[in-house]
């Protein structure tokens, strides 16, 4: 996996239009997969895009 496919907490928050604390909570609760439990958390772009797609269908 290349670094281009990884997103930081801040990038995910901006992409999903939510606060960074919400991204951290989603990761902690297992709603968003992150790389390990150590800071800085990194997220796979494809999984974040899939999460956003599912989230938009639920609204």
C-alpha atoms as a PDB file:
ATOM      1  CA  UNK A   1       0.000   0.000   0.000  1.00  0.00           C
ATOM      2  CA  UNK A   2       1.454   3.356  -0.943  1.00  0.00           C
ATOM      3  CA  UNK A   3       1.364   6.485   1.181  1.00  0.00           C
ATOM      4  CA  UNK A   4      -0.972   8.060  -1.389  1.00  0.00           C
ATOM      5  CA  UNK A   5      -3.662   5.607  -0.316  1.00  0.00           C
ATOM      6  CA  UNK A   6      -3.382   6.541   3.368  1.00  0.00           C
ATOM      7  CA  UNK A   7      -5.210   9.418   5.016  1.00  0.00           C
ATOM      8  CA  UNK A   8      -4.567  11.190   8.308  1.00  0.00           C
ATOM      9  CA  UNK A   9      -7.244  11.938  10.890  1.00  0.00           C
ATOM     10  CA  UNK A  10      -7.426  15.511   9.634  1.00  0.00           C
ATOM     11  CA  UNK A  11      -7.809  14.434   6.000  1.00  0.00           C
ATOM     12  CA  UNK A  12     -10.548  11.956   6.896  1.00  0.00           C
ATOM     13  CA  UNK A  13     -12.386  14.583   8.943  1.00  0.00           C
ATOM     14  CA  UNK A  14     -12.283  17.042   6.065  1.00  0.00           C
ATOM     15  CA  UNK A  15     -13.353  14.401   3.527  1.00  0.00           C
ATOM     16  CA  UNK A  16     -16.264  13.208   5.677  1.00  0.00           C
ATOM     17  CA  UNK A  17     -17.104  16.757   6.836  1.00  0.00           C
ATOM     18  CA  UNK A  18     -16.921  15.823  10.516  1.00  0.00           C
ATOM     19  CA  UNK A  19     -14.693  16.784  13.459  1.00  0.00           C
ATOM     20  CA  UNK A  20     -11.394  15.021  14.173  1.00  0.00           C
ATOM     21  CA  UNK A  21     -12.695  13.822  17.554  1.00  0.00           C
ATOM     22  CA  UNK A  22     -15.518  12.060  15.708  1.00  0.00           C
ATOM     23  CA  UNK A  23     -13.016  10.322  13.419  1.00  0.00           C
ATOM     24  CA  UNK A  24     -11.078   9.150  16.495  1.00  0.00           C
ATOM     25  CA  UNK A  25     -14.300   7.885  18.091  1.00  0.00           C
ATOM     26  CA  UNK A  26     -15.310   6.033  14.914  1.00  0.00           C
ATOM     27  CA  UNK A  27     -11.860   4.406  14.847  1.00  0.00           C
ATOM     28  CA  UNK A  28     -12.011   3.502  18.547  1.00  0.00           C
ATOM     29  CA  UNK A  29     -15.492   1.995  18.115  1.00  0.00           C
ATOM     30  CA  UNK A  30     -14.427   0.051  15.024  1.00  0.00           C
ATOM     31  CA  UNK A  31     -16.640   1.924  12.577  1.00  0.00           C
ATOM     32  CA  UNK A  32     -13.616   3.131  10.613  1.00  0.00           C
ATOM     33  CA  UNK A  33     -10.621   0.822  10.182  1.00  0.00           C
ATOM     34  CA  UNK A  34      -7.310   2.430  11.059  1.00  0.00           C
ATOM     35  CA  UNK A  35      -3.739   1.242  10.991  1.00  0.00           C
ATOM     36  CA  UNK A  36      -3.054   0.038  14.495  1.00  0.00           C
ATOM     37  CA  UNK A  37      -3.873   1.700  17.762  1.00  0.00           C
ATOM     38  CA  UNK A  38      -0.943   4.084  17.953  1.00  0.00           C
ATOM     39  CA  UNK A  39      -0.938   7.732  16.976  1.00  0.00           C
ATOM     40  CA  UNK A  40      -0.846   8.903  14.320  1.00  0.00           C
ATOM     41  CA  UNK A  41      -3.794   6.898  13.076  1.00  0.00           C
ATOM     42  CA  UNK A  42      -3.844   6.330   9.328  1.00  0.00           C
ATOM     43  CA  UNK A  43      -6.814   5.256   7.249  1.00  0.00           C
ATOM     44  CA  UNK A  44      -6.990   3.545   3.868  1.00  0.00           C
ATOM     45  CA  UNK A  45      -8.597   5.877   1.331  1.00  0.00           C
ATOM     46  CA  UNK A  46     -10.756   3.112  -0.197  1.00  0.00           C
ATOM     47  CA  UNK A  47     -12.209   2.202   3.208  1.00  0.00           C
ATOM     48  CA  UNK A  48     -12.956   5.847   3.994  1.00  0.00           C
ATOM     49  CA  UNK A  49     -14.652   6.260   0.615  1.00  0.00           C
ATOM     50  CA  UNK A  50     -16.715   3.119   1.253  1.00  0.00           C
ATOM     51  CA  UNK A  51     -17.669   4.438   4.704  1.00  0.00           C
ATOM     52  CA  UNK A  52     -18.817   7.748   3.190  1.00  0.00           C
ATOM     53  CA  UNK A  53     -20.871   5.912   0.563  1.00  0.00           C
ATOM     54  CA  UNK A  54     -22.596   3.791   3.209  1.00  0.00           C
ATOM     55  CA  UNK A  55     -23.112   6.833   5.433  1.00  0.00           C
ATOM     56  CA  UNK A  56     -24.770   8.748   2.593  1.00  0.00           C
ATOM     57  CA  UNK A  57     -27.176   5.866   1.933  1.00  0.00           C
ATOM     58  CA  UNK A  58     -28.304   5.889   5.569  1.00  0.00           C
ATOM     59  CA  UNK A  59     -29.296   9.547   5.532  1.00  0.00           C
END
